[in-house]
Amino acid sequence: MDRKYWLFGGITAAVISGAYVFWTSSSKSNKKKDRCPGLENLGNTCFLNSVLQGLASCSRVRLWLSDYVNSGHLQTPSLTRTLNDVIKVLNNETEFYDDVHSPDYVFNTLLIKGWCISPEEQDAHEMFHVLTQTITEETMSYPGVVPLFENPDVGFRENDRALSRIESPLPLLPERPMDHPFQGLLASQLECMECGYKNPVRYDHFDSLSLTFPQSVWVDRSLETLLYHYISVDTVSNVDCVGCSKLKQRPAGCKMPLKKTTFKKKMTIGKLPQSLVFHIQRCQWLNDGSACKRQDFVSFPEILDMSNYVYHKVAAKESKKGVLGGGQQFLFGASSEPRAESFESAPSVTLLRTLNYDNRRTQNGLFIQPQMEDHSRDSDVNHNGPASVSKSSDSSLTYRLCAVVVHIGNISSGHFITYRRSPNTVRGKRRTDKWLCCSDRKVVPANKMDVLAAEAYMLMYERL
């Protein structure tokens, strides 16, 4: 009798054990299929968690981090490697099976890099720029120019392909690390409203576009409206005008200060990044000096066409003479107002990469100089020839929504959450998109209507 009980007990234990193993593996499989891990709140750190979940939803960011980590250009310590590890966890690409992951490695790396982050509530958009700025510093450091020329082992380009201004051979620069996927270029130009003189087109780097609400209360609140408002013509007062000063008669050899006039400024996008981030500025300052949060709903599409906001498209519409280097008409159309005397604008310009590769280089990393002989066909990955402005095809101007960061609360206190695509959607393993709502540790399914109805604070898109 005892043997039967023991036999029955052994069989029961084996069945229970097998059921436990099957249920556990099934649970892990379902978790891998449906959800991503949540992130531990280390004390008012929802601003970081929301950005990390958003980055994990961008497949181009995921691929770029992986490629750069494997390229051998890493520093020690490396935020790029840390982000790559965290995003792999958030996309279920590791053996991590817990429901919650701690982002403490990201914080520790930022502290080692010299960032001071207080334990109080912080802004998600500012944290996004902390991450991108640190990545830029890690990936864009170069040896100084002088050691490059003094290095006896450096190679030189063939004379029939590219020469310096004094017709000497140019050294082959080390292969440039990949620009991170959020890096784009803004194109801006100033035109004098009195004489029509145009300054050269200026290019500035951007990692995200901060959009403000138009002052008119009757304007539709949509992402497209805010973008049109962003690139609309603005006026700048008290600007030195070379054109007006040259038109003004003065005695020969007499040096006079430049005349200050009002210019109109046109802003467009010179180069679109692989991953495009919008920041909707919801902080508004009142007349009494106090701040409040704007809670206007801004509609945004899942598929975004950026063709109306890029430099070469806008210039083509406004000028028959083309774009960069195409004569006097750059970002502005011809003026309908008659002018007493015509005046030639600044010479055509060519976009060149700066040689200032050391750690003290300018934020832009680019400069404008008068046009030289065209060697654009000789440009290569080492940037020994002039780099031209990207003229992407229309298909490359279309973006897909990846994540939406939402701020819940008022101007002084609140909480950040993120709507993001599921890991299998990011990895291209689903035929239909699936969305998740991530609030620190908590991750729940969401539908597309919830996402498109969210009060967006940050929008993350990526190129199709």
Protein backbone atom coordinates (compact mmCIF):
# COMPACT_ATOMS: atom_id res chain seq x y z
CA MET A 1 0.00 0.00 0.00
CA ASP A 2 2.80 2.38 0.90
CA ARG A 3 4.48 1.63 -2.40
CA LYS A 4 1.34 2.66 -4.28
CA TYR A 5 1.20 5.93 -2.38
CA TRP A 6 4.85 6.59 -3.06
CA LEU A 7 4.40 5.71 -6.74
CA PHE A 8 1.31 7.92 -7.01
CA GLY A 9 3.09 10.74 -5.17
CA GLY A 10 6.10 10.48 -7.47
CA ILE A 11 3.94 10.60 -10.59
CA THR A 12 2.00 13.58 -9.22
CA ALA A 13 5.21 15.46 -8.42
CA ALA A 14 6.58 14.76 -11.90
CA VAL A 15 3.36 15.99 -13.53
CA ILE A 16 3.35 19.17 -11.40
CA SER A 17 7.02 19.78 -12.13
CA GLY A 18 6.50 19.30 -15.85
CA ALA A 19 3.47 21.57 -15.81
CA TYR A 20 5.49 24.24 -13.99
CA VAL A 21 8.31 24.05 -16.54
CA PHE A 22 5.84 24.16 -19.43
CA TRP A 23 3.88 27.06 -17.91
CA THR A 24 7.07 29.01 -17.16
CA SER A 25 8.50 28.61 -20.66
CA SER A 26 5.08 29.40 -22.12
CA SER A 27 4.89 32.50 -19.95
CA LYS A 28 8.34 33.60 -21.13
CA SER A 29 7.33 32.92 -24.73
CA ASN A 30 4.18 35.00 -24.38
CA LYS A 31 6.16 37.77 -22.72
CA LYS A 32 8.66 37.75 -25.54
CA LYS A 33 5.83 37.91 -28.03
CA ASP A 34 3.61 40.56 -26.47
CA ARG A 35 5.42 42.94 -24.12
CA CYS A 36 8.68 44.70 -23.40
CA PRO A 37 10.17 45.00 -19.89
CA GLY A 38 9.31 48.02 -17.80
CA LEU A 39 11.96 50.31 -16.32
CA GLU A 40 12.61 50.86 -12.63
CA ASN A 41 11.98 54.39 -11.36
CA LEU A 42 15.13 55.29 -9.42
CA GLY A 43 13.46 58.36 -7.90
CA ASN A 44 11.79 60.87 -10.23
CA THR A 45 13.45 59.23 -13.25
CA CYS A 46 10.39 58.80 -15.44
CA PHE A 47 11.90 61.43 -17.76
CA LEU A 48 14.75 59.02 -18.57
CA ASN A 49 12.56 55.92 -18.75
CA SER A 50 10.20 57.54 -21.25
CA VAL A 51 13.07 58.52 -23.56
CA LEU A 52 14.70 55.07 -23.38
CA GLN A 53 11.43 53.35 -24.30
CA GLY A 54 11.01 55.78 -27.19
CA LEU A 55 14.54 55.14 -28.48
CA ALA A 56 13.97 51.39 -28.25
CA SER A 57 10.98 51.78 -30.56
CA CYS A 58 13.11 53.25 -33.38
CA SER A 59 14.52 50.40 -35.46
CA ARG A 60 17.11 52.65 -37.14
CA VAL A 61 18.45 53.72 -33.74
CA ARG A 62 18.62 50.09 -32.67
CA LEU A 63 20.57 49.11 -35.81
CA TRP A 64 22.89 52.13 -35.63
CA LEU A 65 23.83 51.44 -32.01
CA SER A 66 24.55 47.81 -32.81
CA ASP A 67 26.67 48.71 -35.85
CA TYR A 68 28.63 51.36 -33.99
CA VAL A 69 29.34 49.09 -31.02
CA ASN A 70 30.73 46.51 -33.45
CA SER A 71 32.80 49.10 -35.36
CA GLY A 72 35.60 49.25 -32.78
CA HIS A 73 35.43 53.03 -32.20
CA LEU A 74 34.14 52.81 -28.63
CA GLN A 75 35.47 54.85 -25.74
CA THR A 76 35.67 53.64 -22.14
CA PRO A 77 33.22 54.13 -20.55
CA SER A 78 30.81 54.29 -23.46
CA LEU A 79 27.25 55.59 -23.32
CA THR A 80 26.74 54.18 -26.80
CA ARG A 81 27.45 50.65 -25.55
CA THR A 82 25.26 51.18 -22.48
CA LEU A 83 22.32 52.38 -24.58
CA ASN A 84 22.80 49.47 -26.95
CA ASP A 85 22.60 47.02 -24.04
CA VAL A 86 19.49 48.67 -22.56
CA ILE A 87 17.66 48.86 -25.89
CA LYS A 88 18.40 45.20 -26.55
CA VAL A 89 16.76 44.37 -23.22
CA LEU A 90 13.75 46.57 -24.03
CA ASN A 91 13.34 44.80 -27.39
CA ASN A 92 13.66 41.30 -25.90
CA GLU A 93 16.93 40.55 -27.69
CA THR A 94 18.71 39.17 -24.60
CA GLU A 95 18.20 36.39 -22.08
CA PHE A 96 16.73 38.91 -19.62
CA TYR A 97 13.31 37.58 -18.56
CA ASP A 98 12.38 39.86 -15.66
CA ASP A 99 9.41 42.18 -15.98
CA VAL A 100 11.41 45.22 -14.85
CA HIS A 101 14.89 46.42 -15.83
CA SER A 102 16.96 49.05 -14.02
CA PRO A 103 18.43 51.97 -16.04
CA ASP A 104 21.09 52.64 -13.39
CA TYR A 105 23.92 51.87 -15.84
CA VAL A 106 22.75 54.77 -18.03
CA PHE A 107 22.76 57.13 -15.04
CA ASN A 108 26.17 55.97 -13.87
CA THR A 109 27.68 56.43 -17.33
CA LEU A 110 26.27 59.96 -17.58
CA LEU A 111 27.71 60.81 -14.16
CA ILE A 112 31.13 59.53 -15.22
CA LYS A 113 30.83 61.65 -18.37
CA GLY A 114 30.46 64.75 -16.17
CA TRP A 115 26.70 65.33 -16.23
CA CYS A 116 25.12 66.56 -12.99
CA ILE A 117 21.56 65.24 -12.67
CA SER A 118 19.66 66.37 -9.58
CA PRO A 119 17.20 64.02 -7.84
CA GLU A 120 14.32 66.39 -8.62
CA GLU A 121 11.90 66.04 -11.52
CA GLN A 122 13.54 66.75 -14.88
CA ASP A 123 12.45 67.25 -18.47
CA ALA A 124 12.36 64.37 -20.97
CA HIS A 125 13.39 66.58 -23.89
CA GLU A 126 16.42 67.86 -22.00
CA MET A 127 17.41 64.28 -21.17
CA PHE A 128 17.10 63.38 -24.85
CA HIS A 129 19.62 66.12 -25.67
CA VAL A 130 21.93 64.95 -22.88
CA LEU A 131 21.99 61.52 -24.51
CA THR A 132 22.49 62.78 -28.08
CA GLN A 133 25.14 65.31 -27.03
CA THR A 134 27.09 62.60 -25.21
CA ILE A 135 26.83 60.28 -28.21
CA THR A 136 28.07 63.10 -30.46
CA GLU A 137 31.07 63.70 -28.19
CA GLU A 138 31.89 59.99 -28.25
CA THR A 139 31.52 59.49 -31.99
CA MET A 140 32.90 62.76 -33.39
CA SER A 141 36.28 63.07 -31.64
CA TYR A 142 39.18 63.36 -34.08
CA PRO A 143 42.93 63.87 -33.79
CA GLY A 144 44.15 67.42 -34.35
CA VAL A 145 44.94 68.61 -37.88
CA VAL A 146 48.65 69.30 -37.23
CA PRO A 147 49.50 65.78 -35.97
CA LEU A 148 47.68 64.45 -39.05
CA PHE A 149 50.02 66.31 -41.43
CA GLU A 150 53.11 65.49 -39.36
CA ASN A 151 52.38 61.76 -39.31
CA PRO A 152 54.86 60.10 -41.72
CA ASP A 153 52.61 57.07 -42.12
CA VAL A 154 49.63 59.00 -43.43
CA GLY A 155 48.58 58.36 -47.02
CA PHE A 156 47.79 61.02 -49.62
CA ARG A 157 45.22 61.29 -52.35
CA GLU A 158 46.14 61.21 -56.03
CA ASN A 159 46.81 64.68 -57.45
CA ASP A 160 44.36 64.25 -60.32
CA ARG A 161 41.45 63.81 -57.90
CA ALA A 162 41.81 66.48 -55.23
CA LEU A 163 44.32 69.17 -54.28
CA SER A 164 44.60 71.81 -51.58
CA ARG A 165 44.38 75.51 -52.38
CA ILE A 166 48.16 75.62 -52.89
CA GLU A 167 47.91 72.54 -55.16
CA SER A 168 49.60 70.20 -52.70
CA PRO A 169 48.38 66.63 -52.04
CA LEU A 170 45.68 66.19 -49.44
CA PRO A 171 46.11 63.58 -46.69
CA LEU A 172 43.62 60.76 -46.36
CA LEU A 173 41.65 61.43 -43.20
CA PRO A 174 40.73 58.54 -40.93
CA GLU A 175 37.37 57.04 -41.80
CA ARG A 176 34.69 59.21 -40.24
CA PRO A 177 32.49 57.46 -37.69
CA MET A 178 28.81 57.25 -38.56
CA ASP A 179 26.70 60.27 -37.64
CA HIS A 180 24.03 59.25 -35.16
CA PRO A 181 20.56 58.86 -36.73
CA PHE A 182 19.06 61.97 -35.07
CA GLN A 183 21.51 64.41 -36.66
CA GLY A 184 20.12 66.72 -39.34
CA LEU A 185 20.88 70.15 -40.81
CA LEU A 186 18.84 73.34 -40.72
CA ALA A 187 19.27 75.79 -43.61
CA SER A 188 18.67 79.48 -42.97
CA GLN A 189 19.26 82.65 -44.95
CA LEU A 190 18.93 86.37 -44.24
CA GLU A 191 17.77 88.87 -46.89
CA CYS A 192 17.84 92.64 -46.46
CA MET A 193 14.38 94.14 -46.81
CA GLU A 194 15.82 97.41 -48.16
CA CYS A 195 18.36 96.44 -50.83
CA GLY A 196 17.69 92.72 -51.28
CA TYR A 197 21.20 91.62 -50.32
CA LYS A 198 21.27 87.94 -49.31
CA ASN A 199 23.72 86.45 -46.86
CA PRO A 200 25.14 83.00 -47.66
CA VAL A 201 22.99 80.07 -46.61
CA ARG A 202 23.87 79.00 -43.08
CA TYR A 203 23.74 75.37 -41.95
CA ASP A 204 23.30 74.31 -38.33
CA HIS A 205 23.05 70.88 -36.77
CA PHE A 206 19.92 69.77 -34.97
CA ASP A 207 18.98 66.66 -33.02
CA SER A 208 15.30 67.57 -32.62
CA LEU A 209 12.94 70.31 -33.79
CA SER A 210 11.20 72.35 -31.08
CA LEU A 211 7.84 73.55 -32.38
CA THR A 212 5.83 76.40 -30.88
CA PHE A 213 2.14 77.18 -31.08
CA PRO A 214 1.08 79.96 -33.49
CA GLN A 215 -0.31 83.03 -31.76
CA SER A 216 -3.58 82.92 -33.69
CA VAL A 217 -6.29 81.02 -31.83
CA TRP A 218 -8.05 80.19 -35.11
CA VAL A 219 -5.20 78.16 -36.56
CA ASP A 220 -5.63 74.41 -36.74
CA ARG A 221 -3.54 72.61 -34.13
CA SER A 222 -1.75 69.95 -36.16
CA LEU A 223 1.86 68.88 -36.56
CA GLU A 224 1.84 70.14 -40.15
CA THR A 225 0.61 73.57 -39.01
CA LEU A 226 3.35 73.81 -36.39
CA LEU A 227 5.93 72.82 -39.02
CA TYR A 228 4.72 75.52 -41.43
CA HIS A 229 4.89 78.00 -38.57
CA TYR A 230 8.45 76.84 -37.86
CA ILE A 231 9.70 77.52 -41.41
CA SER A 232 7.68 80.71 -41.94
CA VAL A 233 9.55 83.93 -42.74
CA ASP A 234 10.57 85.97 -39.71
CA THR A 235 12.12 89.42 -39.37
CA VAL A 236 15.40 90.24 -37.65
CA SER A 237 16.16 93.85 -36.74
CA ASN A 238 19.41 95.76 -36.34
CA VAL A 239 21.53 93.59 -38.67
CA ASP A 240 24.67 94.89 -40.41
CA CYS A 241 24.01 95.00 -44.16
CA VAL A 242 26.95 94.86 -46.55
CA GLY A 243 24.69 95.62 -49.49
CA CYS A 244 23.25 98.87 -48.15
CA SER A 245 26.72 100.01 -47.13
CA LYS A 246 28.09 99.42 -50.63
CA LEU A 247 25.18 101.20 -52.30
CA LYS A 248 25.68 104.25 -50.13
CA GLN A 249 28.05 106.74 -51.73
CA ARG A 250 31.11 107.59 -49.65
CA PRO A 251 34.52 109.12 -50.29
CA ALA A 252 37.19 106.77 -51.63
CA GLY A 253 39.28 105.18 -48.89
CA CYS A 254 36.85 106.28 -46.17
CA LYS A 255 35.91 103.47 -43.79
CA MET A 256 32.36 103.73 -42.53
CA PRO A 257 30.44 101.41 -40.22
CA LEU A 258 28.01 99.01 -41.86
CA LYS A 259 24.43 100.19 -42.07
CA LYS A 260 22.03 98.36 -39.77
CA THR A 261 18.75 97.34 -41.38
CA THR A 262 15.93 94.84 -40.97
CA PHE A 263 16.35 91.42 -42.57
CA LYS A 264 13.83 88.70 -43.22
CA LYS A 265 14.90 85.22 -42.21
CA LYS A 266 13.81 82.01 -43.89
CA MET A 267 14.32 78.64 -42.19
CA THR A 268 14.05 75.24 -43.85
CA ILE A 269 15.49 71.77 -43.30
CA GLY A 270 18.72 71.27 -45.24
CA LYS A 271 19.18 67.60 -44.44
CA LEU A 272 16.71 65.24 -42.84
CA PRO A 273 17.97 62.72 -40.26
CA GLN A 274 17.19 59.03 -40.26
CA SER A 275 15.19 59.43 -37.05
CA LEU A 276 13.23 62.66 -36.72
CA VAL A 277 12.21 63.94 -33.27
CA PHE A 278 9.75 66.76 -32.63
CA HIS A 279 9.42 68.60 -29.33
CA ILE A 280 6.14 70.46 -28.82
CA GLN A 281 6.81 73.37 -26.47
CA ARG A 282 3.92 73.40 -24.03
CA CYS A 283 5.43 75.87 -21.57
CA GLN A 284 3.98 79.36 -21.99
CA TRP A 285 5.04 82.49 -20.10
CA LEU A 286 2.25 84.83 -19.04
CA ASN A 287 2.38 88.62 -18.81
CA ASP A 288 2.87 88.48 -15.04
CA GLY A 289 6.03 86.39 -15.46
CA SER A 290 4.50 83.09 -14.37
CA ALA A 291 4.56 79.94 -16.47
CA CYS A 292 1.73 77.60 -17.37
CA LYS A 293 1.38 74.42 -19.40
CA ARG A 294 -0.55 74.46 -22.66
CA GLN A 295 -2.75 71.42 -23.02
CA ASP A 296 -3.84 71.97 -26.62
CA PHE A 297 -4.34 68.78 -28.56
CA VAL A 298 -2.00 68.60 -31.55
CA SER A 299 -3.02 66.08 -34.18
CA PHE A 300 -0.22 64.13 -35.83
CA PRO A 301 -0.17 61.45 -38.54
CA GLU A 302 1.22 57.96 -38.40
CA ILE A 303 2.86 58.55 -41.81
CA LEU A 304 4.48 61.98 -42.22
CA ASP A 305 5.51 63.54 -45.54
CA MET A 306 8.35 66.07 -45.06
CA SER A 307 8.70 67.15 -48.71
CA ASN A 308 7.17 70.59 -48.06
CA TYR A 309 9.73 71.50 -45.40
CA VAL A 310 13.10 70.55 -46.91
CA TYR A 311 15.52 73.05 -48.43
CA HIS A 312 15.75 71.95 -52.05
CA LYS A 313 11.99 71.46 -52.36
CA VAL A 314 11.17 74.90 -50.96
CA ALA A 315 13.87 76.55 -53.05
CA ALA A 316 12.63 74.85 -56.21
CA LYS A 317 9.16 76.24 -55.62
CA GLU A 318 10.38 79.77 -54.91
CA SER A 319 13.15 80.06 -57.52
CA LYS A 320 13.61 78.96 -61.11
CA LYS A 321 17.39 79.13 -60.69
CA GLY A 322 17.66 76.04 -58.49
CA VAL A 323 19.23 75.64 -55.10
CA LEU A 324 22.68 75.91 -53.54
CA GLY A 325 25.04 77.76 -55.88
CA GLY A 326 22.20 78.61 -58.30
CA GLY A 327 22.38 82.41 -58.34
CA GLN A 328 20.74 85.04 -56.20
CA GLN A 329 17.49 83.21 -55.43
CA PHE A 330 18.11 80.81 -52.57
CA LEU A 331 15.41 80.45 -49.95
CA PHE A 332 13.37 83.47 -51.06
CA GLY A 333 11.34 84.14 -54.17
CA ALA A 334 11.73 87.24 -56.31
CA SER A 335 10.43 90.39 -54.70
CA SER A 336 7.52 92.17 -56.36
CA GLU A 337 8.69 95.56 -55.04
CA PRO A 338 10.68 97.71 -57.51
CA ARG A 339 14.23 98.58 -56.50
CA ALA A 340 16.12 101.72 -57.49
CA GLU A 341 19.32 99.84 -58.20
CA SER A 342 20.08 96.16 -58.58
CA PHE A 343 22.72 94.67 -56.36
CA GLU A 344 24.43 91.30 -56.61
CA SER A 345 24.23 89.15 -53.54
CA ALA A 346 27.04 87.30 -51.88
CA PRO A 347 28.76 84.78 -54.19
CA SER A 348 27.38 81.29 -54.51
CA VAL A 349 28.43 79.03 -51.72
CA THR A 350 29.51 75.45 -51.36
CA LEU A 351 29.00 73.34 -48.28
CA LEU A 352 32.34 72.04 -46.97
CA ARG A 353 33.25 70.05 -43.93
CA THR A 354 35.53 71.82 -41.50
CA LEU A 355 39.05 70.56 -40.84
CA ASN A 356 38.74 71.42 -37.15
CA TYR A 357 38.44 67.87 -35.91
CA ASP A 358 39.70 68.36 -32.37
CA ASN A 359 37.52 68.44 -29.26
CA ARG A 360 37.15 72.22 -29.45
CA ARG A 361 35.46 72.17 -32.84
CA THR A 362 32.32 74.23 -33.36
CA GLN A 363 28.89 72.80 -32.71
CA ASN A 364 28.02 73.11 -36.42
CA GLY A 365 31.07 71.25 -37.67
CA LEU A 366 30.45 72.99 -41.01
CA PHE A 367 31.38 76.27 -42.62
CA ILE A 368 30.49 78.19 -45.75
CA GLN A 369 33.09 79.62 -48.13
CA PRO A 370 33.00 81.10 -51.68
CA GLN A 371 32.51 78.56 -54.42
CA MET A 372 35.64 76.88 -55.77
CA GLU A 373 36.21 74.49 -58.63
CA ASP A 374 33.71 71.65 -58.54
CA HIS A 375 35.25 68.41 -57.28
CA SER A 376 32.00 66.99 -55.92
CA ARG A 377 32.44 63.87 -58.04
CA ASP A 378 35.60 63.17 -56.02
CA SER A 379 33.90 63.26 -52.63
CA ASP A 380 34.32 60.10 -50.62
CA VAL A 381 33.86 58.72 -47.12
CA ASN A 382 36.99 60.57 -46.03
CA HIS A 383 35.43 63.91 -47.06
CA ASN A 384 38.51 64.98 -49.02
CA GLY A 385 36.28 66.54 -51.65
CA PRO A 386 33.41 69.01 -51.22
CA ALA A 387 30.32 67.40 -49.74
CA SER A 388 27.10 68.40 -51.44
CA VAL A 389 23.77 68.96 -49.79
CA SER A 390 21.68 65.83 -49.80
CA LYS A 391 18.94 65.88 -52.44
CA SER A 392 16.94 62.89 -51.37
CA SER A 393 14.29 61.31 -53.50
CA ASP A 394 10.67 61.79 -52.54
CA SER A 395 10.51 58.28 -51.10
CA SER A 396 13.17 59.20 -48.54
CA LEU A 397 11.10 62.14 -47.28
CA THR A 398 8.41 59.93 -45.75
CA TYR A 399 8.52 59.02 -42.06
CA ARG A 400 6.64 56.59 -39.83
CA LEU A 401 5.62 57.23 -36.24
CA CYS A 402 7.61 55.16 -33.72
CA ALA A 403 6.89 56.62 -30.28
CA VAL A 404 4.95 59.35 -28.48
CA VAL A 405 6.14 60.79 -25.15
CA VAL A 406 3.33 62.29 -23.06
CA HIS A 407 3.58 64.55 -20.00
CA ILE A 408 0.79 64.14 -17.46
CA GLY A 409 0.49 66.92 -14.89
CA ASN A 410 1.12 70.66 -14.65
CA ILE A 411 4.07 72.96 -15.27
CA SER A 412 5.74 72.25 -11.93
CA SER A 413 5.11 68.54 -11.44
CA GLY A 414 3.99 65.54 -13.42
CA HIS A 415 4.83 62.19 -14.94
CA PHE A 416 6.13 61.04 -18.34
CA ILE A 417 4.79 57.99 -20.17
CA THR A 418 5.56 56.62 -23.63
CA TYR A 419 3.50 54.99 -26.34
CA ARG A 420 5.85 52.78 -28.34
CA ARG A 421 5.76 49.97 -30.85
CA SER A 422 6.15 46.46 -29.50
CA PRO A 423 9.53 44.70 -29.74
CA ASN A 424 8.39 42.34 -32.49
CA THR A 425 7.05 45.31 -34.46
CA VAL A 426 10.42 47.06 -34.14
CA ARG A 427 12.24 43.93 -35.25
CA GLY A 428 9.91 43.45 -38.23
CA LYS A 429 8.42 40.18 -37.00
CA ARG A 430 4.77 41.29 -37.07
CA ARG A 431 2.55 41.84 -40.08
CA THR A 432 0.38 44.26 -38.13
CA ASP A 433 1.70 46.90 -35.76
CA LYS A 434 1.20 46.53 -32.04
CA TRP A 435 1.47 49.42 -29.58
CA LEU A 436 2.37 49.47 -25.90
CA CYS A 437 1.90 52.09 -23.19
CA CYS A 438 4.95 52.26 -20.90
CA SER A 439 4.82 53.99 -17.52
CA ASP A 440 8.03 53.10 -15.65
CA ARG A 441 7.49 49.51 -14.40
CA LYS A 442 4.02 49.16 -15.91
CA VAL A 443 3.65 48.09 -19.55
CA VAL A 444 0.17 47.50 -20.99
CA PRO A 445 -1.16 47.05 -24.55
CA ALA A 446 -2.52 50.11 -26.36
CA ASN A 447 -4.35 50.61 -29.63
CA LYS A 448 -3.50 53.02 -32.41
CA MET A 449 -6.45 55.30 -31.62
CA ASP A 450 -5.12 55.83 -28.09
CA VAL A 451 -1.73 56.73 -29.53
CA LEU A 452 -3.04 59.23 -32.09
CA ALA A 453 -5.29 60.83 -29.44
CA ALA A 454 -2.43 61.39 -26.98
CA GLU A 455 -1.38 64.86 -25.82
CA ALA A 456 2.07 64.64 -27.38
CA TYR A 457 5.11 66.26 -25.81
CA MET A 458 7.68 64.50 -28.00
CA LEU A 459 7.12 62.65 -31.28
CA MET A 460 9.66 60.19 -32.66
CA TYR A 461 9.54 59.31 -36.36
CA GLU A 462 11.89 57.31 -38.54
CA ARG A 463 12.49 57.29 -42.28
CA LEU A 464 10.69 54.61 -44.25
